Amino acid sequence: MSAQKNPPWIKKQTFAKGFEVRQARQRHDIGDFKMEPTGYYILIRLLLESKQIGLAVCNKSHEILEEFRGRTAKDIYGAIFEFEEKNNLSWFTSKEHIAYIGKELAKAQRAMEKDEGYIQE
């Protein structure tokens, strides 16, 4: 039996000079919440009849600008990225808000797959 060779894209990592392990502080969903600087926000819902997730993008005036629908989180955030790029938009600029959107889409996808309810945080 021969040893399995790793694909060429797998490299042996080393530690950089000054490398440290940094412990993240526990964050509070409400207390650490920061509004997206652009003022845009999202609303997510499950569309049970079509087995899709719907994500609406809203502005500061609470108008729904667009709704993106798809079966997976990746489908939806990919559609948002493409739409923003095609239309020269920057709805979401905060890394924390972008991470929140990804987390909520993943949570909605799991709920849809398990046929469970979903409530956006």
N, C-alpha and C. Protein backbone atom coordinates (compact mmCIF):
# COMPACT_ATOMS: atom_id res chain seq x y z
N MET A 1 0.84 -1.17 0.00
CA MET A 1 0.00 0.00 0.00
C MET A 1 0.89 1.24 0.00
N SER A 2 0.67 2.13 -0.97
CA SER A 2 1.50 3.33 -1.08
C SER A 2 0.90 4.49 -0.28
N ALA A 3 1.77 5.40 0.13
CA ALA A 3 1.32 6.57 0.89
C ALA A 3 0.55 7.51 -0.05
N GLN A 4 -0.52 8.08 0.47
CA GLN A 4 -1.32 9.00 -0.32
C GLN A 4 -0.59 10.34 -0.44
N LYS A 5 -0.48 10.84 -1.65
CA LYS A 5 0.20 12.11 -1.88
C LYS A 5 -0.84 13.22 -1.88
N ASN A 6 -0.51 14.32 -1.19
CA ASN A 6 -1.41 15.47 -1.15
C ASN A 6 -1.45 16.17 -2.51
N PRO A 7 -2.58 16.77 -2.85
CA PRO A 7 -2.62 17.57 -4.08
C PRO A 7 -1.62 18.72 -3.99
N PRO A 8 -1.17 19.24 -5.13
CA PRO A 8 -0.12 20.27 -5.12
C PRO A 8 -0.55 21.58 -4.44
N TRP A 9 -1.84 21.83 -4.32
CA TRP A 9 -2.29 23.08 -3.69
C TRP A 9 -2.26 23.02 -2.17
N ILE A 10 -2.02 21.85 -1.60
CA ILE A 10 -1.90 21.74 -0.14
C ILE A 10 -0.44 21.94 0.23
N LYS A 11 -0.20 22.92 1.04
CA LYS A 11 1.17 23.25 1.44
C LYS A 11 1.33 23.02 2.94
N LYS A 12 2.56 22.79 3.35
CA LYS A 12 2.85 22.65 4.78
C LYS A 12 2.99 24.05 5.36
N GLN A 13 2.13 24.38 6.30
CA GLN A 13 2.17 25.71 6.90
C GLN A 13 3.26 25.81 7.95
N THR A 14 3.76 27.02 8.11
CA THR A 14 4.70 27.35 9.17
C THR A 14 4.12 28.53 9.93
N PHE A 15 4.70 28.86 11.06
CA PHE A 15 4.22 30.00 11.85
C PHE A 15 5.06 31.23 11.53
N ALA A 16 4.39 32.35 11.31
CA ALA A 16 5.08 33.62 11.04
C ALA A 16 5.73 34.12 12.32
N LYS A 17 6.77 34.91 12.15
CA LYS A 17 7.41 35.55 13.29
C LYS A 17 6.36 36.43 13.97
N GLY A 18 6.24 36.34 15.27
CA GLY A 18 5.25 37.13 15.99
C GLY A 18 3.87 36.50 16.04
N PHE A 19 3.75 35.27 15.53
CA PHE A 19 2.46 34.57 15.56
C PHE A 19 1.92 34.50 16.98
N GLU A 20 0.63 34.74 17.14
CA GLU A 20 -0.05 34.60 18.43
C GLU A 20 -1.42 34.00 18.22
N VAL A 21 -1.88 33.26 19.21
CA VAL A 21 -3.26 32.81 19.25
C VAL A 21 -4.02 33.88 20.01
N ARG A 22 -5.08 34.40 19.43
CA ARG A 22 -5.84 35.48 20.06
C ARG A 22 -7.22 34.96 20.46
N GLN A 23 -7.53 35.09 21.73
CA GLN A 23 -8.82 34.65 22.25
C GLN A 23 -9.87 35.72 21.96
N ALA A 24 -10.94 35.34 21.29
CA ALA A 24 -12.02 36.27 20.98
C ALA A 24 -12.88 36.50 22.22
N ARG A 25 -13.30 37.73 22.41
CA ARG A 25 -14.19 38.00 23.54
C ARG A 25 -15.61 37.58 23.15
N GLN A 26 -16.39 37.22 24.13
CA GLN A 26 -17.77 36.85 23.88
C GLN A 26 -18.55 38.10 23.52
N ARG A 27 -19.32 38.01 22.47
CA ARG A 27 -20.09 39.16 21.99
C ARG A 27 -21.57 38.97 22.27
N HIS A 28 -22.25 40.07 22.48
CA HIS A 28 -23.67 40.07 22.80
C HIS A 28 -24.44 40.51 21.55
N ASP A 29 -25.45 39.71 21.15
CA ASP A 29 -26.20 40.00 19.92
C ASP A 29 -26.78 41.41 19.90
N ILE A 30 -27.27 41.88 21.01
CA ILE A 30 -27.90 43.21 21.05
C ILE A 30 -26.90 44.27 21.50
N GLY A 31 -26.19 44.02 22.56
CA GLY A 31 -25.27 45.01 23.12
C GLY A 31 -24.13 45.38 22.20
N ASP A 32 -23.68 44.46 21.36
CA ASP A 32 -22.58 44.73 20.44
C ASP A 32 -23.06 45.05 19.03
N PHE A 33 -24.37 45.18 18.85
CA PHE A 33 -24.93 45.44 17.53
C PHE A 33 -24.53 46.83 17.05
N LYS A 34 -24.09 46.91 15.80
CA LYS A 34 -23.79 48.18 15.15
C LYS A 34 -24.55 48.20 13.83
N MET A 35 -25.23 49.29 13.57
CA MET A 35 -25.98 49.45 12.33
C MET A 35 -25.01 49.52 11.15
N GLU A 36 -25.41 48.98 10.03
CA GLU A 36 -24.64 49.09 8.79
C GLU A 36 -24.44 50.57 8.48
N PRO A 37 -23.21 51.03 8.28
CA PRO A 37 -22.96 52.46 8.04
C PRO A 37 -23.73 53.04 6.85
N THR A 38 -24.02 52.20 5.85
CA THR A 38 -24.74 52.70 4.68
C THR A 38 -26.23 52.91 4.96
N GLY A 39 -26.73 52.32 6.07
CA GLY A 39 -28.14 52.44 6.42
C GLY A 39 -29.02 51.36 5.84
N TYR A 40 -28.47 50.50 4.97
CA TYR A 40 -29.27 49.42 4.40
C TYR A 40 -29.36 48.27 5.39
N TYR A 41 -30.45 47.53 5.32
CA TYR A 41 -30.60 46.35 6.17
C TYR A 41 -31.38 45.29 5.40
N ILE A 42 -31.47 44.11 5.99
CA ILE A 42 -32.11 42.99 5.30
C ILE A 42 -33.24 42.40 6.15
N LEU A 43 -34.16 41.77 5.46
CA LEU A 43 -35.22 40.97 6.08
C LEU A 43 -35.19 39.61 5.39
N ILE A 44 -35.18 38.55 6.17
CA ILE A 44 -35.13 37.20 5.62
C ILE A 44 -36.39 36.45 6.01
N ARG A 45 -36.94 35.71 5.06
CA ARG A 45 -38.11 34.88 5.33
C ARG A 45 -38.00 33.58 4.54
N LEU A 46 -38.71 32.57 5.02
CA LEU A 46 -38.80 31.30 4.31
C LEU A 46 -40.04 31.32 3.44
N LEU A 47 -39.90 30.87 2.21
CA LEU A 47 -41.02 30.76 1.28
C LEU A 47 -41.31 29.26 1.16
N LEU A 48 -42.12 28.77 2.08
CA LEU A 48 -42.33 27.33 2.22
C LEU A 48 -42.91 26.69 0.97
N GLU A 49 -43.82 27.40 0.29
CA GLU A 49 -44.47 26.81 -0.88
C GLU A 49 -43.47 26.50 -2.00
N SER A 50 -42.43 27.32 -2.14
CA SER A 50 -41.45 27.09 -3.20
C SER A 50 -40.12 26.54 -2.67
N LYS A 51 -40.07 26.29 -1.35
CA LYS A 51 -38.85 25.79 -0.70
C LYS A 51 -37.66 26.70 -0.99
N GLN A 52 -37.89 28.01 -0.86
CA GLN A 52 -36.84 28.99 -1.08
C GLN A 52 -36.71 29.91 0.13
N ILE A 53 -35.58 30.60 0.15
CA ILE A 53 -35.33 31.64 1.13
C ILE A 53 -35.46 32.97 0.40
N GLY A 54 -36.11 33.94 1.03
CA GLY A 54 -36.22 35.27 0.46
C GLY A 54 -35.46 36.26 1.31
N LEU A 55 -34.65 37.10 0.67
CA LEU A 55 -33.91 38.14 1.39
C LEU A 55 -34.25 39.46 0.74
N ALA A 56 -34.87 40.36 1.52
CA ALA A 56 -35.21 41.68 1.03
C ALA A 56 -34.17 42.68 1.52
N VAL A 57 -33.75 43.56 0.64
CA VAL A 57 -32.84 44.64 0.99
C VAL A 57 -33.68 45.91 1.16
N CYS A 58 -33.52 46.54 2.34
CA CYS A 58 -34.29 47.74 2.68
C CYS A 58 -33.36 48.93 2.87
N ASN A 59 -33.90 50.13 2.61
CA ASN A 59 -33.11 51.35 2.82
C ASN A 59 -33.50 52.02 4.12
N LYS A 60 -32.87 53.18 4.40
CA LYS A 60 -33.11 53.92 5.64
C LYS A 60 -34.57 54.33 5.80
N SER A 61 -35.26 54.50 4.68
CA SER A 61 -36.68 54.89 4.71
C SER A 61 -37.59 53.69 4.85
N HIS A 62 -37.01 52.52 5.07
CA HIS A 62 -37.73 51.26 5.27
C HIS A 62 -38.51 50.83 4.02
N GLU A 63 -37.96 51.18 2.85
CA GLU A 63 -38.52 50.72 1.59
C GLU A 63 -37.77 49.46 1.17
N ILE A 64 -38.50 48.47 0.69
CA ILE A 64 -37.86 47.26 0.16
C ILE A 64 -37.42 47.58 -1.26
N LEU A 65 -36.11 47.50 -1.49
CA LEU A 65 -35.54 47.85 -2.79
C LEU A 65 -35.52 46.66 -3.75
N GLU A 66 -35.12 45.52 -3.25
CA GLU A 66 -35.01 44.30 -4.05
C GLU A 66 -35.25 43.11 -3.14
N GLU A 67 -35.72 42.02 -3.73
CA GLU A 67 -35.79 40.75 -3.00
C GLU A 67 -35.05 39.71 -3.81
N PHE A 68 -34.19 38.97 -3.14
CA PHE A 68 -33.43 37.89 -3.77
C PHE A 68 -33.98 36.59 -3.22
N ARG A 69 -34.19 35.62 -4.11
CA ARG A 69 -34.72 34.32 -3.70
C ARG A 69 -33.80 33.22 -4.20
N GLY A 70 -33.67 32.20 -3.38
CA GLY A 70 -32.86 31.06 -3.77
C GLY A 70 -33.03 29.92 -2.79
N ARG A 71 -32.47 28.78 -3.13
CA ARG A 71 -32.59 27.60 -2.28
C ARG A 71 -31.49 27.52 -1.23
N THR A 72 -30.35 28.15 -1.50
CA THR A 72 -29.24 28.09 -0.54
C THR A 72 -28.73 29.48 -0.21
N ALA A 73 -28.03 29.55 0.91
CA ALA A 73 -27.40 30.81 1.33
C ALA A 73 -26.44 31.30 0.25
N LYS A 74 -25.66 30.39 -0.31
CA LYS A 74 -24.68 30.75 -1.32
C LYS A 74 -25.35 31.32 -2.57
N ASP A 75 -26.48 30.74 -2.97
CA ASP A 75 -27.22 31.26 -4.13
C ASP A 75 -27.60 32.72 -3.91
N ILE A 76 -28.08 33.01 -2.71
CA ILE A 76 -28.58 34.36 -2.42
C ILE A 76 -27.44 35.36 -2.28
N TYR A 77 -26.41 35.05 -1.47
CA TYR A 77 -25.36 36.05 -1.34
C TYR A 77 -24.60 36.22 -2.64
N GLY A 78 -24.50 35.17 -3.44
CA GLY A 78 -23.89 35.30 -4.77
C GLY A 78 -24.70 36.23 -5.66
N ALA A 79 -26.02 36.12 -5.61
CA ALA A 79 -26.89 36.99 -6.41
C ALA A 79 -26.77 38.45 -5.96
N ILE A 80 -26.67 38.66 -4.64
CA ILE A 80 -26.51 40.03 -4.12
C ILE A 80 -25.18 40.62 -4.61
N PHE A 81 -24.09 39.86 -4.49
CA PHE A 81 -22.78 40.34 -4.94
C PHE A 81 -22.81 40.70 -6.43
N GLU A 82 -23.41 39.82 -7.23
CA GLU A 82 -23.49 40.07 -8.68
C GLU A 82 -24.32 41.32 -8.98
N PHE A 83 -25.46 41.46 -8.29
CA PHE A 83 -26.33 42.61 -8.50
C PHE A 83 -25.62 43.91 -8.11
N GLU A 84 -24.96 43.90 -6.97
CA GLU A 84 -24.22 45.09 -6.53
C GLU A 84 -23.14 45.47 -7.55
N GLU A 85 -22.40 44.49 -8.00
CA GLU A 85 -21.31 44.75 -8.95
C GLU A 85 -21.86 45.27 -10.28
N LYS A 86 -22.89 44.61 -10.79
CA LYS A 86 -23.49 45.00 -12.08
C LYS A 86 -24.07 46.41 -12.03
N ASN A 87 -24.61 46.80 -10.88
CA ASN A 87 -25.28 48.09 -10.74
C ASN A 87 -24.46 49.12 -9.97
N ASN A 88 -23.17 48.83 -9.77
CA ASN A 88 -22.25 49.73 -9.09
C ASN A 88 -22.81 50.20 -7.74
N LEU A 89 -23.26 49.24 -6.93
CA LEU A 89 -23.83 49.52 -5.61
C LEU A 89 -22.91 49.00 -4.52
N SER A 90 -23.06 49.56 -3.34
CA SER A 90 -22.35 49.07 -2.15
C SER A 90 -23.32 49.13 -0.97
N TRP A 91 -24.28 48.21 -0.96
CA TRP A 91 -25.28 48.20 0.11
C TRP A 91 -24.64 47.88 1.46
N PHE A 92 -23.75 46.90 1.46
CA PHE A 92 -23.21 46.39 2.72
C PHE A 92 -21.69 46.54 2.71
N THR A 93 -21.18 47.31 3.67
CA THR A 93 -19.74 47.59 3.72
C THR A 93 -19.11 47.11 5.02
N SER A 94 -19.90 46.92 6.05
CA SER A 94 -19.39 46.48 7.35
C SER A 94 -19.14 44.97 7.33
N LYS A 95 -17.92 44.57 7.63
CA LYS A 95 -17.61 43.13 7.66
C LYS A 95 -18.47 42.42 8.68
N GLU A 96 -18.74 43.07 9.79
CA GLU A 96 -19.59 42.47 10.82
C GLU A 96 -21.01 42.24 10.29
N HIS A 97 -21.54 43.20 9.54
CA HIS A 97 -22.88 43.05 8.99
C HIS A 97 -22.92 41.98 7.90
N ILE A 98 -21.88 41.93 7.08
CA ILE A 98 -21.81 40.91 6.04
C ILE A 98 -21.74 39.52 6.67
N ALA A 99 -20.97 39.38 7.75
CA ALA A 99 -20.89 38.09 8.45
C ALA A 99 -22.26 37.73 9.04
N TYR A 100 -22.95 38.72 9.60
CA TYR A 100 -24.30 38.50 10.15
C TYR A 100 -25.24 37.99 9.05
N ILE A 101 -25.20 38.59 7.87
CA ILE A 101 -26.07 38.17 6.77
C ILE A 101 -25.78 36.71 6.42
N GLY A 102 -24.50 36.36 6.33
CA GLY A 102 -24.13 34.97 6.03
C GLY A 102 -24.62 34.01 7.09
N LYS A 103 -24.48 34.41 8.36
CA LYS A 103 -24.93 33.57 9.47
C LYS A 103 -26.45 33.36 9.40
N GLU A 104 -27.18 34.44 9.17
CA GLU A 104 -28.64 34.34 9.11
C GLU A 104 -29.11 33.53 7.91
N LEU A 105 -28.45 33.70 6.77
CA LEU A 105 -28.82 32.91 5.59
C LEU A 105 -28.56 31.42 5.84
N ALA A 106 -27.44 31.10 6.49
CA ALA A 106 -27.15 29.69 6.80
C ALA A 106 -28.19 29.13 7.77
N LYS A 107 -28.57 29.95 8.74
CA LYS A 107 -29.60 29.52 9.70
C LYS A 107 -30.94 29.29 8.99
N ALA A 108 -31.29 30.17 8.07
CA ALA A 108 -32.53 30.01 7.31
C ALA A 108 -32.47 28.77 6.42
N GLN A 109 -31.32 28.52 5.81
CA GLN A 109 -31.17 27.34 4.96
C GLN A 109 -31.34 26.06 5.78
N ARG A 110 -30.71 26.01 6.96
CA ARG A 110 -30.87 24.83 7.83
C ARG A 110 -32.33 24.63 8.23
N ALA A 111 -33.00 25.72 8.56
CA ALA A 111 -34.42 25.63 8.95
C ALA A 111 -35.26 25.10 7.79
N MET A 112 -34.98 25.56 6.58
CA MET A 112 -35.73 25.10 5.41
C MET A 112 -35.47 23.61 5.17
N GLU A 113 -34.21 23.20 5.27
CA GLU A 113 -33.85 21.80 5.04
C GLU A 113 -34.49 20.87 6.06
N LYS A 114 -34.64 21.36 7.29
CA LYS A 114 -35.22 20.54 8.37
C LYS A 114 -36.72 20.76 8.52
N ASP A 115 -37.28 21.60 7.65
CA ASP A 115 -38.71 21.91 7.69
C ASP A 115 -39.11 22.46 9.06
N GLU A 116 -38.27 23.39 9.56
CA GLU A 116 -38.50 24.02 10.85
C GLU A 116 -38.82 25.50 10.65
N GLY A 117 -39.27 26.15 11.68
CA GLY A 117 -39.51 27.57 11.63
C GLY A 117 -38.19 28.36 11.67
N TYR A 118 -38.25 29.59 11.23
CA TYR A 118 -37.07 30.46 11.22
C TYR A 118 -37.47 31.84 11.72
N ILE A 119 -36.68 32.37 12.64
CA ILE A 119 -36.86 33.73 13.12
C ILE A 119 -35.52 34.44 12.99
N GLN A 120 -35.51 35.56 12.26
CA GLN A 120 -34.29 36.34 12.07
C GLN A 120 -33.93 37.05 13.37
N GLU A 121 -32.65 37.01 13.73
CA GLU A 121 -32.17 37.74 14.91
C GLU A 121 -32.04 39.20 14.60
